[in-house]
Amino acid sequence: MSISKHTMSAGAGLAAAALIAMPAPALAHDSLTGSSPESGASSAEAPQGIDLTFAAAPQDIGLDIRVSGPDGSDVTDGEPEIQGTTVTQPLSDQADEPGEYSVVWRVVSSDGHPIEGAYDYTVEGGEASASQEPAGGEPAEGSSSAGASGSAQAPESASSDADDAPTEGQDDDQPSSDTGDESSSGTALWLLIGGGVVVLGAVAAAVVMMRRMGR
């Protein structure tokens, strides 16, 4: 009887050891093995959807993936889809805005237990930067037109100044011309007076000489 008890005790111990030695994955739930975008990723190109890959195909029940934009609004579009071990959640056009996005997911693993998690990723907004680059790197069309217009007006202004210069010079010289005419007129007058005096003196001298000769 004692041998039978020892045998039963040994068998129970072996069974317990076998349970303890069972592989851990057989007792563990499915886990997330990858995501796109990855946790903490930063990219200039906004994703069209969120891909979550698990160790085994999750069940098609209890799927819930929420993606919040920089302003906290929901940017998901439609329901998540399961393709093998990957769950894909489409995103709306609002997911193109630059900023930080938060992903919160919950699925039911293949063993029937729900699992969940969360992570963030960032959209840099490279397209917005590219669209603004010509404004800083190249002059705008309006600036070119303004420059051309300014260049065209500059010669006209210079030409106008050049046309005005001789006029001003002529105005400055005009008083000199008038003064010269007045001086010439005065000189001629004095010459006439002087000539008249000389003639009168000669006539008077002739009269005096004739009177003396008559005596």
Protein backbone atom coordinates (compact mmCIF):
# COMPACT_ATOMS: atom_id res chain seq x y z
CA MET A 1 0.00 0.00 0.00
CA SER A 2 2.84 2.32 0.85
CA ILE A 3 4.40 1.70 -2.57
CA SER A 4 1.17 2.64 -4.27
CA LYS A 5 1.03 5.91 -2.36
CA HIS A 6 4.60 6.75 -3.37
CA THR A 7 3.79 5.97 -6.99
CA MET A 8 0.75 8.24 -6.94
CA SER A 9 2.74 11.06 -5.34
CA ALA A 10 5.47 10.73 -7.96
CA GLY A 11 2.93 10.82 -10.78
CA ALA A 12 1.31 13.94 -9.39
CA GLY A 13 4.68 15.62 -9.14
CA LEU A 14 5.54 14.78 -12.74
CA ALA A 15 2.21 16.18 -13.93
CA ALA A 16 2.76 19.42 -12.05
CA ALA A 17 6.26 19.72 -13.48
CA ALA A 18 4.90 19.19 -16.97
CA LEU A 19 2.39 22.00 -16.51
CA ILE A 20 5.06 24.33 -15.23
CA ALA A 21 7.38 23.44 -18.11
CA MET A 22 4.78 24.29 -20.79
CA PRO A 23 6.05 26.97 -23.25
CA ALA A 24 5.22 30.51 -22.13
CA PRO A 25 3.83 31.63 -25.53
CA ALA A 26 1.09 29.06 -25.24
CA LEU A 27 -0.17 30.87 -22.15
CA ALA A 28 0.54 34.45 -23.36
CA HIS A 29 -1.90 36.67 -25.29
CA ASP A 30 -1.14 37.98 -28.77
CA SER A 31 1.01 41.12 -28.81
CA LEU A 32 1.64 44.03 -31.17
CA THR A 33 4.74 43.29 -33.25
CA GLY A 34 4.80 46.33 -35.53
CA SER A 35 3.00 49.50 -36.63
CA SER A 36 3.02 51.98 -39.50
CA PRO A 37 3.70 54.77 -38.79
CA GLU A 38 5.93 53.55 -36.00
CA SER A 39 5.70 54.85 -32.46
CA GLY A 40 7.46 58.23 -32.22
CA ALA A 41 7.98 58.43 -35.99
CA SER A 42 8.23 61.85 -37.69
CA SER A 43 7.61 62.16 -41.42
CA ALA A 44 6.92 64.92 -43.95
CA GLU A 45 4.43 62.66 -45.76
CA ALA A 46 1.12 62.04 -44.00
CA PRO A 47 -0.02 58.38 -43.88
CA GLN A 48 -3.23 57.29 -45.57
CA GLY A 49 -3.97 54.78 -42.82
CA ILE A 50 -2.71 53.12 -39.64
CA ASP A 51 -1.38 49.54 -39.88
CA LEU A 52 -1.09 47.44 -36.71
CA THR A 53 0.57 44.01 -36.97
CA PHE A 54 0.11 41.36 -34.26
CA ALA A 55 1.75 38.05 -33.43
CA ALA A 56 -1.44 36.24 -34.54
CA ALA A 57 -4.55 37.22 -36.43
CA PRO A 58 -6.93 39.07 -34.08
CA GLN A 59 -10.60 38.25 -33.95
CA ASP A 60 -13.08 40.22 -36.00
CA ILE A 61 -14.88 41.52 -32.93
CA GLY A 62 -14.26 44.40 -30.59
CA LEU A 63 -11.95 46.24 -33.02
CA ASP A 64 -11.48 49.88 -32.02
CA ILE A 65 -8.77 52.16 -33.41
CA ARG A 66 -8.99 55.88 -32.80
CA VAL A 67 -6.60 58.48 -34.22
CA SER A 68 -6.69 62.05 -32.89
CA GLY A 69 -5.20 65.01 -34.75
CA PRO A 70 -3.23 67.96 -33.35
CA ASP A 71 -6.48 69.67 -32.36
CA GLY A 72 -7.87 66.54 -30.69
CA SER A 73 -10.41 65.76 -33.42
CA ASP A 74 -10.98 62.23 -34.75
CA VAL A 75 -9.30 61.77 -38.15
CA THR A 76 -10.30 58.15 -38.84
CA ASP A 77 -12.35 57.30 -41.93
CA GLY A 78 -14.50 54.18 -41.85
CA GLU A 79 -14.05 50.92 -39.97
CA PRO A 80 -10.78 49.00 -39.41
CA GLU A 81 -10.09 46.00 -41.65
CA ILE A 82 -8.26 42.76 -40.82
CA GLN A 83 -5.88 41.24 -43.37
CA GLY A 84 -4.09 38.30 -41.84
CA THR A 85 -2.24 39.49 -38.77
CA THR A 86 -2.52 43.18 -39.76
CA VAL A 87 -5.34 45.55 -38.87
CA THR A 88 -5.65 48.67 -41.08
CA GLN A 89 -7.53 51.81 -40.08
CA PRO A 90 -8.10 54.30 -42.98
CA LEU A 91 -7.62 58.01 -42.25
CA SER A 92 -9.47 61.07 -43.53
CA ASP A 93 -7.99 64.04 -45.40
CA GLN A 94 -7.72 65.90 -42.08
CA ALA A 95 -4.84 63.59 -41.17
CA ASP A 96 -2.63 65.57 -43.60
CA GLU A 97 -2.34 68.55 -41.25
CA PRO A 98 1.11 69.03 -39.66
CA GLY A 99 1.36 68.17 -35.98
CA GLU A 100 1.33 65.31 -33.48
CA TYR A 101 -1.20 62.47 -33.80
CA SER A 102 -2.27 60.01 -31.12
CA VAL A 103 -3.25 56.39 -31.89
CA VAL A 104 -5.31 54.42 -29.34
CA TRP A 105 -6.16 50.83 -30.27
CA ARG A 106 -8.01 47.86 -28.79
CA VAL A 107 -8.41 44.40 -30.37
CA VAL A 108 -9.41 40.92 -29.26
CA SER A 109 -6.48 38.52 -29.60
CA SER A 110 -6.77 35.05 -31.10
CA ASP A 111 -7.21 33.49 -27.63
CA GLY A 112 -10.24 35.68 -26.94
CA HIS A 113 -8.55 38.13 -24.58
CA PRO A 114 -8.71 41.88 -25.39
CA ILE A 115 -5.43 43.75 -25.66
CA GLU A 116 -4.88 47.48 -26.10
CA GLY A 117 -2.21 50.13 -26.44
CA ALA A 118 -1.41 53.68 -27.59
CA TYR A 119 1.39 55.62 -29.25
CA ASP A 120 2.09 58.92 -31.07
CA TYR A 121 3.56 59.96 -34.41
CA THR A 122 4.22 63.34 -36.05
CA VAL A 123 3.49 64.81 -39.49
CA GLU A 124 6.03 67.51 -40.31
CA GLY A 125 4.06 69.11 -43.14
CA GLY A 126 6.76 69.08 -45.84
CA GLU A 127 4.24 69.96 -48.57
CA ALA A 128 3.31 73.20 -46.84
CA SER A 129 6.97 74.15 -46.50
CA ALA A 130 7.60 73.39 -50.16
CA SER A 131 4.68 75.54 -51.30
CA GLN A 132 6.03 78.48 -49.32
CA GLU A 133 9.59 78.12 -50.51
CA PRO A 134 9.21 80.09 -53.80
CA ALA A 135 7.91 83.05 -51.82
CA GLY A 136 11.20 83.27 -49.92
CA GLY A 137 13.63 81.88 -52.53
CA GLU A 138 12.39 83.71 -55.64
CA PRO A 139 10.91 87.20 -56.07
CA ALA A 140 7.17 87.27 -56.60
CA GLU A 141 5.77 88.33 -59.95
CA GLY A 142 4.45 91.52 -58.43
CA SER A 143 7.94 92.38 -57.20
CA SER A 144 9.41 91.79 -60.67
CA SER A 145 6.76 93.99 -62.25
CA ALA A 146 7.33 96.67 -59.67
CA GLY A 147 11.06 96.51 -60.27
CA ALA A 148 10.61 96.72 -64.03
CA SER A 149 8.19 99.60 -63.65
CA GLY A 150 10.59 101.38 -61.33
CA SER A 151 13.43 100.84 -63.82
CA ALA A 152 11.28 102.16 -66.64
CA GLN A 153 10.33 105.24 -64.66
CA ALA A 154 13.89 106.00 -63.63
CA PRO A 155 15.11 106.91 -67.19
CA GLU A 156 11.98 108.98 -67.74
CA SER A 157 12.70 110.91 -64.57
CA ALA A 158 16.33 111.37 -65.57
CA SER A 159 15.27 112.51 -69.04
CA SER A 160 12.84 114.96 -67.50
CA ASP A 161 15.59 116.37 -65.30
CA ALA A 162 17.87 116.63 -68.32
CA ASP A 163 15.21 118.55 -70.24
CA ASP A 164 14.71 120.90 -67.34
CA ALA A 165 18.43 121.64 -66.95
CA PRO A 166 18.92 123.65 -70.18
CA THR A 167 15.76 125.64 -69.48
CA GLU A 168 17.09 126.63 -66.12
CA GLY A 169 20.41 127.54 -67.72
CA GLN A 170 18.68 129.72 -70.28
CA ASP A 171 16.71 131.46 -67.56
CA ASP A 172 19.92 132.16 -65.68
CA ASP A 173 21.63 133.52 -68.79
CA GLN A 174 18.71 135.74 -69.89
CA PRO A 175 19.44 138.61 -67.47
CA SER A 176 23.03 138.75 -68.77
CA SER A 177 21.77 139.13 -72.34
CA ASP A 178 19.44 141.98 -71.36
CA THR A 179 22.22 143.69 -69.46
CA GLY A 180 24.49 143.45 -72.51
CA ASP A 181 21.85 145.06 -74.75
CA GLU A 182 21.33 147.90 -72.30
CA SER A 183 25.08 148.49 -72.07
CA SER A 184 25.40 148.62 -75.87
CA SER A 185 22.53 151.10 -76.15
CA GLY A 186 24.08 153.36 -73.53
CA THR A 187 27.46 153.32 -75.27
CA ALA A 188 25.92 154.26 -78.64
CA LEU A 189 24.05 157.14 -77.02
CA TRP A 190 27.19 158.53 -75.48
CA LEU A 191 29.00 158.20 -78.79
CA LEU A 192 26.27 160.16 -80.55
CA ILE A 193 26.37 162.89 -77.92
CA GLY A 194 30.14 163.07 -78.07
CA GLY A 195 30.06 163.21 -81.88
CA GLY A 196 27.49 166.02 -81.78
CA VAL A 197 29.65 168.00 -79.39
CA VAL A 198 32.67 167.60 -81.66
CA VAL A 199 30.68 168.70 -84.72
CA LEU A 200 29.27 171.71 -82.91
CA GLY A 201 32.74 172.63 -81.73
CA ALA A 202 34.10 172.40 -85.26
CA VAL A 203 31.26 174.54 -86.64
CA ALA A 204 31.81 177.16 -83.94
CA ALA A 205 35.54 177.23 -84.66
CA ALA A 206 34.87 177.67 -88.37
CA VAL A 207 32.48 180.58 -87.74
CA VAL A 208 35.00 182.31 -85.52
CA MET A 209 37.76 181.93 -88.10
CA MET A 210 35.52 183.30 -90.88
CA ARG A 211 34.67 186.36 -88.81
CA ARG A 212 38.33 187.05 -88.13
CA MET A 213 39.19 186.71 -91.75
CA GLY A 214 36.36 189.12 -92.70
CA ARG A 215 37.79 191.85 -90.53
